[in-house]
PDB file of N, CA and C in Angstrom:
ATOM      1  N   MET A   1      48.720  34.293 185.129  1.00  0.00           N
ATOM      2  CA  MET A   1      47.797  34.034 184.067  1.00  0.00           C
ATOM      3  C   MET A   1      48.267  32.816 183.303  1.00  0.00           C
ATOM      4  N   THR A   2      47.338  32.054 182.823  1.00  0.00           N
ATOM      5  CA  THR A   2      47.645  30.976 181.883  1.00  0.00           C
ATOM      6  C   THR A   2      46.764  31.166 180.657  1.00  0.00           C
ATOM      7  N   TYR A   3      47.325  30.834 179.511  1.00  0.00           N
ATOM      8  CA  TYR A   3      46.564  30.958 178.273  1.00  0.00           C
ATOM      9  C   TYR A   3      46.860  29.780 177.359  1.00  0.00           C
ATOM     10  N   ARG A   4      45.958  29.557 176.435  1.00  0.00           N
ATOM     11  CA  ARG A   4      46.053  28.415 175.528  1.00  0.00           C
ATOM     12  C   ARG A   4      46.626  28.883 174.192  1.00  0.00           C
ATOM     13  N   ALA A   5      47.638  28.162 173.713  1.00  0.00           N
ATOM     14  CA  ALA A   5      48.222  28.399 172.396  1.00  0.00           C
ATOM     15  C   ALA A   5      48.182  27.064 171.664  1.00  0.00           C
ATOM     16  N   GLY A   6      47.120  26.854 170.902  1.00  0.00           N
ATOM     17  CA  GLY A   6      46.928  25.556 170.263  1.00  0.00           C
ATOM     18  C   GLY A   6      46.572  24.525 171.310  1.00  0.00           C
ATOM     19  N   ASP A   7      47.331  23.437 171.388  1.00  0.00           N
ATOM     20  CA  ASP A   7      47.094  22.388 172.377  1.00  0.00           C
ATOM     21  C   ASP A   7      47.915  22.569 173.648  1.00  0.00           C
ATOM     22  N   ILE A   8      48.667  23.659 173.721  1.00  0.00           N
ATOM     23  CA  ILE A   8      49.560  23.896 174.849  1.00  0.00           C
ATOM     24  C   ILE A   8      48.984  24.987 175.748  1.00  0.00           C
ATOM     25  N   VAL A   9      49.091  24.801 177.057  1.00  0.00           N
ATOM     26  CA  VAL A   9      48.700  25.836 178.016  1.00  0.00           C
ATOM     27  C   VAL A   9      49.985  26.438 178.575  1.00  0.00           C
ATOM     28  N   LEU A  10      50.130  27.767 178.442  1.00  0.00           N
ATOM     29  CA  LEU A  10      51.357  28.461 178.824  1.00  0.00           C
ATOM     30  C   LEU A  10      51.112  29.473 179.932  1.00  0.00           C
ATOM     31  N   PRO A  11      52.096  29.682 180.802  1.00  0.00           N
ATOM     32  CA  PRO A  11      51.976  30.738 181.809  1.00  0.00           C
ATOM     33  C   PRO A  11      52.444  32.071 181.221  1.00  0.00           C
ATOM     34  N   ALA A  12      51.919  33.155 181.740  1.00  0.00           N
ATOM     35  CA  ALA A  12      52.353  34.489 181.327  1.00  0.00           C
ATOM     36  C   ALA A  12      52.268  35.422 182.519  1.00  0.00           C
ATOM     37  N   THR A  13      53.263  36.297 182.642  1.00  0.00           N
ATOM     38  CA  THR A  13      53.230  37.326 183.672  1.00  0.00           C
ATOM     39  C   THR A  13      53.598  38.652 183.019  1.00  0.00           C
ATOM     40  N   GLY A  14      53.069  39.708 183.548  1.00  0.00           N
ATOM     41  CA  GLY A  14      53.372  41.033 183.035  1.00  0.00           C
ATOM     42  C   GLY A  14      52.360  42.025 183.551  1.00  0.00           C
ATOM     43  N   ASN A  15      52.568  43.270 183.235  1.00  0.00           N
ATOM     44  CA  ASN A  15      51.633  44.322 183.608  1.00  0.00           C
ATOM     45  C   ASN A  15      50.574  44.431 182.528  1.00  0.00           C
ATOM     46  N   MET A  16      49.325  44.539 182.952  1.00  0.00           N
ATOM     47  CA  MET A  16      48.264  44.688 181.966  1.00  0.00           C
ATOM     48  C   MET A  16      48.313  46.103 181.419  1.00  0.00           C
ATOM     49  N   ALA A  17      48.558  46.231 180.124  1.00  0.00           N
ATOM     50  CA  ALA A  17      48.696  47.535 179.491  1.00  0.00           C
ATOM     51  C   ALA A  17      47.368  48.027 178.932  1.00  0.00           C
ATOM     52  N   ALA A  18      46.512  47.101 178.449  1.00  0.00           N
ATOM     53  CA  ALA A  18      45.245  47.513 177.845  1.00  0.00           C
ATOM     54  C   ALA A  18      44.280  46.343 177.793  1.00  0.00           C
ATOM     55  N   ASP A  19      43.001  46.677 177.646  1.00  0.00           N
ATOM     56  CA  ASP A  19      41.929  45.698 177.475  1.00  0.00           C
ATOM     57  C   ASP A  19      41.047  46.233 176.363  1.00  0.00           C
ATOM     58  N   SER A  20      41.080  45.596 175.202  1.00  0.00           N
ATOM     59  CA  SER A  20      40.343  46.098 174.036  1.00  0.00           C
ATOM     60  C   SER A  20      38.881  45.681 174.022  1.00  0.00           C
ATOM     61  N   GLY A  21      38.502  44.773 174.903  1.00  0.00           N
ATOM     62  CA  GLY A  21      37.148  44.236 174.873  1.00  0.00           C
ATOM     63  C   GLY A  21      37.104  42.895 174.158  1.00  0.00           C
ATOM     64  N   LYS A  22      38.157  42.559 173.424  1.00  0.00           N
ATOM     65  CA  LYS A  22      38.271  41.260 172.744  1.00  0.00           C
ATOM     66  C   LYS A  22      39.535  40.537 173.168  1.00  0.00           C
ATOM     67  N   SER A  23      40.518  41.293 173.653  1.00  0.00           N
ATOM     68  CA  SER A  23      41.777  40.708 174.092  1.00  0.00           C
ATOM     69  C   SER A  23      42.430  41.646 175.093  1.00  0.00           C
ATOM     70  N   ILE A  24      43.417  41.102 175.812  1.00  0.00           N
ATOM     71  CA  ILE A  24      44.187  41.928 176.729  1.00  0.00           C
ATOM     72  C   ILE A  24      45.608  42.044 176.198  1.00  0.00           C
ATOM     73  N   PHE A  25      46.282  43.091 176.612  1.00  0.00           N
ATOM     74  CA  PHE A  25      47.652  43.336 176.204  1.00  0.00           C
ATOM     75  C   PHE A  25      48.515  43.361 177.454  1.00  0.00           C
ATOM     76  N   LEU A  26      49.484  42.469 177.523  1.00  0.00           N
ATOM     77  CA  LEU A  26      50.430  42.424 178.631  1.00  0.00           C
ATOM     78  C   LEU A  26      51.711  43.122 178.202  1.00  0.00           C
ATOM     79  N   GLU A  27      52.405  43.693 179.176  1.00  0.00           N
ATOM     80  CA  GLU A  27      53.622  44.440 178.883  1.00  0.00           C
ATOM     81  C   GLU A  27      54.679  44.091 179.909  1.00  0.00           C
ATOM     82  N   GLU A  28      55.894  43.933 179.460  1.00  0.00           N
ATOM     83  CA  GLU A  28      57.025  43.640 180.339  1.00  0.00           C
ATOM     84  C   GLU A  28      58.201  44.508 179.895  1.00  0.00           C
ATOM     85  N   SER A  29      58.835  45.185 180.829  1.00  0.00           N
ATOM     86  CA  SER A  29      59.991  46.027 180.525  1.00  0.00           C
ATOM     87  C   SER A  29      61.258  45.347 181.012  1.00  0.00           C
ATOM     88  N   TYR A  30      62.344  45.560 180.290  1.00  0.00           N
ATOM     89  CA  TYR A  30      63.637  44.974 180.662  1.00  0.00           C
ATOM     90  C   TYR A  30      64.747  45.868 180.131  1.00  0.00           C
ATOM     91  N   GLN A  31      65.946  45.688 180.666  1.00  0.00           N
ATOM     92  CA  GLN A  31      67.098  46.449 180.201  1.00  0.00           C
ATOM     93  C   GLN A  31      67.980  45.574 179.330  1.00  0.00           C
ATOM     94  N   GLN A  32      68.425  46.162 178.222  1.00  0.00           N
ATOM     95  CA  GLN A  32      69.336  45.451 177.330  1.00  0.00           C
ATOM     96  C   GLN A  32      70.358  46.446 176.813  1.00  0.00           C
ATOM     97  N   GLN A  33      71.599  46.170 177.054  1.00  0.00           N
ATOM     98  CA  GLN A  33      72.714  47.017 176.641  1.00  0.00           C
ATOM     99  C   GLN A  33      72.517  48.465 177.078  1.00  0.00           C
ATOM    100  N   GLY A  34      72.086  48.651 178.313  1.00  0.00           N
ATOM    101  CA  GLY A  34      71.962  49.986 178.884  1.00  0.00           C
ATOM    102  C   GLY A  34      70.696  50.749 178.539  1.00  0.00           C
ATOM    103  N   SER A  35      69.833  50.199 177.702  1.00  0.00           N
ATOM    104  CA  SER A  35      68.586  50.901 177.385  1.00  0.00           C
ATOM    105  C   SER A  35      67.386  50.052 177.793  1.00  0.00           C
ATOM    106  N   VAL A  36      66.308  50.728 178.132  1.00  0.00           N
ATOM    107  CA  VAL A  36      65.096  50.047 178.580  1.00  0.00           C
ATOM    108  C   VAL A  36      64.270  49.661 177.355  1.00  0.00           C
ATOM    109  N   LYS A  37      63.918  48.406 177.271  1.00  0.00           N
ATOM    110  CA  LYS A  37      63.097  47.879 176.171  1.00  0.00           C
ATOM    111  C   LYS A  37      61.745  47.442 176.737  1.00  0.00           C
ATOM    112  N   THR A  38      60.724  47.480 175.930  1.00  0.00           N
ATOM    113  CA  THR A  38      59.390  47.054 176.349  1.00  0.00           C
ATOM    114  C   THR A  38      58.874  46.012 175.378  1.00  0.00           C
ATOM    115  N   PHE A  39      58.394  44.910 175.932  1.00  0.00           N
ATOM    116  CA  PHE A  39      57.804  43.831 175.139  1.00  0.00           C
ATOM    117  C   PHE A  39      56.319  43.802 175.474  1.00  0.00           C
ATOM    118  N   ARG A  40      55.464  43.884 174.473  1.00  0.00           N
ATOM    119  CA  ARG A  40      54.018  43.867 174.679  1.00  0.00           C
ATOM    120  C   ARG A  40      53.417  42.785 173.797  1.00  0.00           C
ATOM    121  N   TRP A  41      52.504  42.001 174.359  1.00  0.00           N
ATOM    122  CA  TRP A  41      51.849  40.978 173.560  1.00  0.00           C
ATOM    123  C   TRP A  41      50.361  40.951 173.827  1.00  0.00           C
ATOM    124  N   GLU A  42      49.624  40.477 172.824  1.00  0.00           N
ATOM    125  CA  GLU A  42      48.160  40.432 172.855  1.00  0.00           C
ATOM    126  C   GLU A  42      47.700  39.002 173.081  1.00  0.00           C
ATOM    127  N   ILE A  43      46.734  38.828 173.991  1.00  0.00           N
ATOM    128  CA  ILE A  43      46.153  37.511 174.244  1.00  0.00           C
ATOM    129  C   ILE A  43      44.642  37.634 174.116  1.00  0.00           C
ATOM    130  N   PRO A  44      44.046  37.000 173.110  1.00  0.00           N
ATOM    131  CA  PRO A  44      42.586  37.064 172.928  1.00  0.00           C
ATOM    132  C   PRO A  44      41.858  36.428 174.107  1.00  0.00           C
ATOM    133  N   TYR A  45      40.671  36.970 174.438  1.00  0.00           N
ATOM    134  CA  TYR A  45      39.866  36.430 175.532  1.00  0.00           C
ATOM    135  C   TYR A  45      39.651  34.920 175.388  1.00  0.00           C
ATOM    136  N   LEU A  46      39.399  34.449 174.175  1.00  0.00           N
ATOM    137  CA  LEU A  46      39.096  33.031 173.977  1.00  0.00           C
ATOM    138  C   LEU A  46      40.259  32.118 174.346  1.00  0.00           C
ATOM    139  N   CYS A  47      41.477  32.663 174.390  1.00  0.00           N
ATOM    140  CA  CYS A  47      42.655  31.854 174.732  1.00  0.00           C
ATOM    141  C   CYS A  47      42.976  31.881 176.217  1.00  0.00           C
ATOM    142  N   ILE A  48      42.352  32.777 176.982  1.00  0.00           N
ATOM    143  CA  ILE A  48      42.655  32.897 178.406  1.00  0.00           C
ATOM    144  C   ILE A  48      42.040  31.732 179.167  1.00  0.00           C
ATOM    145  N   VAL A  49      42.879  31.014 179.903  1.00  0.00           N
ATOM    146  CA  VAL A  49      42.427  29.887 180.709  1.00  0.00           C
ATOM    147  C   VAL A  49      42.186  30.353 182.140  1.00  0.00           C
ATOM    148  N   ASN A  50      43.121  31.108 182.700  1.00  0.00           N
ATOM    149  CA  ASN A  50      43.048  31.551 184.087  1.00  0.00           C
ATOM    150  C   ASN A  50      43.737  32.902 184.194  1.00  0.00           C
ATOM    151  N   LEU A  51      43.128  33.838 184.916  1.00  0.00           N
ATOM    152  CA  LEU A  51      43.690  35.177 185.029  1.00  0.00           C
ATOM    153  C   LEU A  51      43.614  35.633 186.476  1.00  0.00           C
ATOM    154  N   HIS A  52      44.748  36.032 187.025  1.00  0.00           N
ATOM    155  CA  HIS A  52      44.812  36.507 188.411  1.00  0.00           C
ATOM    156  C   HIS A  52      45.510  37.845 188.442  1.00  0.00           C
ATOM    157  N   GLU A  53      45.043  38.724 189.316  1.00  0.00           N
ATOM    158  CA  GLU A  53      45.689  39.997 189.529  1.00  0.00           C
ATOM    159  C   GLU A  53      46.570  39.892 190.760  1.00  0.00           C
ATOM    160  N   CYS A  54      47.801  40.289 190.624  1.00  0.00           N
ATOM    161  CA  CYS A  54      48.727  40.295 191.748  1.00  0.00           C
ATOM    162  C   CYS A  54      48.944  41.739 192.157  1.00  0.00           C
ATOM    163  N   THR A  55      48.833  42.002 193.446  1.00  0.00           N
ATOM    164  CA  THR A  55      49.067  43.350 193.941  1.00  0.00           C
ATOM    165  C   THR A  55      50.406  43.375 194.654  1.00  0.00           C
ATOM    166  N   GLU A  56      51.224  44.349 194.315  1.00  0.00           N
ATOM    167  CA  GLU A  56      52.524  44.485 194.959  1.00  0.00           C
ATOM    168  C   GLU A  56      52.360  45.075 196.350  1.00  0.00           C
ATOM    169  N   ASN A  57      51.412  45.977 196.505  1.00  0.00           N
ATOM    170  CA  ASN A  57      51.186  46.635 197.783  1.00  0.00           C
ATOM    171  C   ASN A  57      49.894  46.093 198.387  1.00  0.00           C
ATOM    172  N   LEU A  58      50.006  45.196 199.345  1.00  0.00           N
ATOM    173  CA  LEU A  58      48.826  44.576 199.922  1.00  0.00           C
ATOM    174  C   LEU A  58      48.043  45.532 200.820  1.00  0.00           C
ATOM    175  N   ASN A  59      48.688  46.539 201.392  1.00  0.00           N
ATOM    176  CA  ASN A  59      48.021  47.532 202.229  1.00  0.00           C
ATOM    177  C   ASN A  59      48.023  48.865 201.497  1.00  0.00           C
ATOM    178  N   PRO A  60      46.917  49.228 200.826  1.00  0.00           N
ATOM    179  CA  PRO A  60      46.894  50.477 200.072  1.00  0.00           C
ATOM    180  C   PRO A  60      47.004  51.682 200.996  1.00  0.00           C
ATOM    181  N   PRO A  61      47.497  52.818 200.491  1.00  0.00           N
ATOM    182  CA  PRO A  61      47.588  54.021 201.311  1.00  0.00           C
ATOM    183  C   PRO A  61      46.208  54.455 201.790  1.00  0.00           C
ATOM    184  N   ALA A  62      46.178  55.186 202.896  1.00  0.00           N
ATOM    185  CA  ALA A  62      44.911  55.610 203.489  1.00  0.00           C
ATOM    186  C   ALA A  62      44.075  56.431 202.518  1.00  0.00           C
ATOM    187  N   SER A  63      44.706  57.256 201.682  1.00  0.00           N
ATOM    188  CA  SER A  63      43.949  58.105 200.755  1.00  0.00           C
ATOM    189  C   SER A  63      43.161  57.271 199.755  1.00  0.00           C
ATOM    190  N   SER A  64      43.756  56.189 199.214  1.00  0.00           N
ATOM    191  CA  SER A  64      43.029  55.353 198.261  1.00  0.00           C
ATOM    192  C   SER A  64      41.972  54.517 198.961  1.00  0.00           C
ATOM    193  N   LYS A  65      42.236  54.149 200.234  1.00  0.00           N
ATOM    194  CA  LYS A  65      41.256  53.379 200.990  1.00  0.00           C
ATOM    195  C   LYS A  65      40.013  54.221 201.249  1.00  0.00           C
ATOM    196  N   MET A  66      40.190  55.506 201.524  1.00  0.00           N
ATOM    197  CA  MET A  66      39.057  56.392 201.757  1.00  0.00           C
ATOM    198  C   MET A  66      38.223  56.530 200.488  1.00  0.00           C
ATOM    199  N   GLN A  67      38.850  56.571 199.318  1.00  0.00           N
ATOM    200  CA  GLN A  67      38.103  56.664 198.066  1.00  0.00           C
ATOM    201  C   GLN A  67      37.231  55.437 197.879  1.00  0.00           C
ATOM    202  N   HIS A  68      37.740  54.242 198.192  1.00  0.00           N
ATOM    203  CA  HIS A  68      36.959  53.025 198.039  1.00  0.00           C
ATOM    204  C   HIS A  68      35.792  53.005 199.019  1.00  0.00           C
ATOM    205  N   ASP A  69      36.016  53.475 200.261  1.00  0.00           N
ATOM    206  CA  ASP A  69      34.974  53.465 201.260  1.00  0.00           C
ATOM    207  C   ASP A  69      33.881  54.482 200.962  1.00  0.00           C
ATOM    208  N   SER A  70      34.215  55.557 200.212  1.00  0.00           N
ATOM    209  CA  SER A  70      33.234  56.595 199.934  1.00  0.00           C
ATOM    210  C   SER A  70      32.233  56.164 198.866  1.00  0.00           C
ATOM    211  N   GLY A  71      32.482  55.052 198.195  1.00  0.00           N
ATOM    212  CA  GLY A  71      31.569  54.574 197.161  1.00  0.00           C
ATOM    213  C   GLY A  71      31.892  55.147 195.793  1.00  0.00           C
ATOM    214  N   ALA A  72      32.953  55.930 195.679  1.00  0.00           N
ATOM    215  CA  ALA A  72      33.309  56.541 194.405  1.00  0.00           C
ATOM    216  C   ALA A  72      33.811  55.505 193.403  1.00  0.00           C
ATOM    217  N   ALA A  73      34.484  54.480 193.877  1.00  0.00           N
ATOM    218  CA  ALA A  73      35.028  53.454 192.982  1.00  0.00           C
ATOM    219  C   ALA A  73      34.631  52.085 193.518  1.00  0.00           C
ATOM    220  N   PRO A  74      34.292  51.141 192.648  1.00  0.00           N
ATOM    221  CA  PRO A  74      33.937  49.810 193.124  1.00  0.00           C
ATOM    222  C   PRO A  74      35.141  49.099 193.732  1.00  0.00           C
ATOM    223  N   VAL A  75      34.886  48.296 194.743  1.00  0.00           N
ATOM    224  CA  VAL A  75      35.947  47.531 195.404  1.00  0.00           C
ATOM    225  C   VAL A  75      35.963  46.131 194.827  1.00  0.00           C
ATOM    226  N   ARG A  76      37.152  45.690 194.348  1.00  0.00           N
ATOM    227  CA  ARG A  76      37.300  44.343 193.798  1.00  0.00           C
ATOM    228  C   ARG A  76      37.881  43.436 194.854  1.00  0.00           C
ATOM    229  N   GLU A  77      37.465  42.196 194.810  1.00  0.00           N
ATOM    230  CA  GLU A  77      38.044  41.196 195.691  1.00  0.00           C
ATOM    231  C   GLU A  77      39.472  40.920 195.242  1.00  0.00           C
ATOM    232  N   PRO A  78      40.410  40.640 196.166  1.00  0.00           N
ATOM    233  CA  PRO A  78      41.772  40.308 195.775  1.00  0.00           C
ATOM    234  C   PRO A  78      41.786  39.083 194.855  1.00  0.00           C
ATOM    235  N   GLY A  79      42.550  39.161 193.788  1.00  0.00           N
ATOM    236  CA  GLY A  79      42.657  38.050 192.850  1.00  0.00           C
ATOM    237  C   GLY A  79      41.597  38.060 191.769  1.00  0.00           C
ATOM    238  N   ALA A  80      40.520  38.827 191.937  1.00  0.00           N
ATOM    239  CA  ALA A  80      39.473  38.888 190.914  1.00  0.00           C
ATOM    240  C   ALA A  80      39.862  39.918 189.874  1.00  0.00           C
ATOM    241  N   PHE A  81      39.617  39.619 188.638  1.00  0.00           N
ATOM    242  CA  PHE A  81      39.983  40.518 187.564  1.00  0.00           C
ATOM    243  C   PHE A  81      38.815  40.595 186.594  1.00  0.00           C
ATOM    244  N   GLN A  82      38.347  41.785 186.322  1.00  0.00           N
ATOM    245  CA  GLN A  82      37.180  41.977 185.457  1.00  0.00           C
ATOM    246  C   GLN A  82      37.649  42.305 184.035  1.00  0.00           C
ATOM    247  N   LEU A  83      37.230  41.513 183.078  1.00  0.00           N
ATOM    248  CA  LEU A  83      37.483  41.786 181.673  1.00  0.00           C
ATOM    249  C   LEU A  83      36.258  42.470 181.097  1.00  0.00           C
ATOM    250  N   LYS A  84      36.431  43.248 180.050  1.00  0.00           N
ATOM    251  CA  LYS A  84      35.325  44.001 179.480  1.00  0.00           C
ATOM    252  C   LYS A  84      34.215  43.120 178.940  1.00  0.00           C
ATOM    253  N   ASN A  85      34.529  42.194 178.055  1.00  0.00           N
ATOM    254  CA  ASN A  85      33.521  41.380 177.393  1.00  0.00           C
ATOM    255  C   ASN A  85      33.873  39.900 177.438  1.00  0.00           C
ATOM    256  N   ARG A  86      34.143  39.386 178.601  1.00  0.00           N
ATOM    257  CA  ARG A  86      34.559  37.991 178.749  1.00  0.00           C
ATOM    258  C   ARG A  86      33.428  37.072 178.314  1.00  0.00           C
ATOM    259  N   PRO A  87      33.666  36.171 177.330  1.00  0.00           N
ATOM    260  CA  PRO A  87      32.616  35.242 176.921  1.00  0.00           C
ATOM    261  C   PRO A  87      32.261  34.266 178.038  1.00  0.00           C
ATOM    262  N   ALA A  88      31.013  33.886 178.106  1.00  0.00           N
ATOM    263  CA  ALA A  88      30.553  32.983 179.154  1.00  0.00           C
ATOM    264  C   ALA A  88      30.994  31.558 178.918  1.00  0.00           C
TER     265      ALA A  88
END
């Protein structure tokens, strides 16, 4: 993902924790002095320049593939990411 902060365009990576309909929340976990810490930040839709979804598992398990084929859940194209209320 890349987002705009003033006149600067910055890269960001992390797990998407939430989508409020006006902004997304990214989350990154790390270890510090033996304990797990979590950093979460909010990026408003208007600041998002480019957004890509990365999948760690390119071949989903057969059980999830059957759910997609049954029509129960919509199938997204790889790399496409749907935001709730993305401005045009």
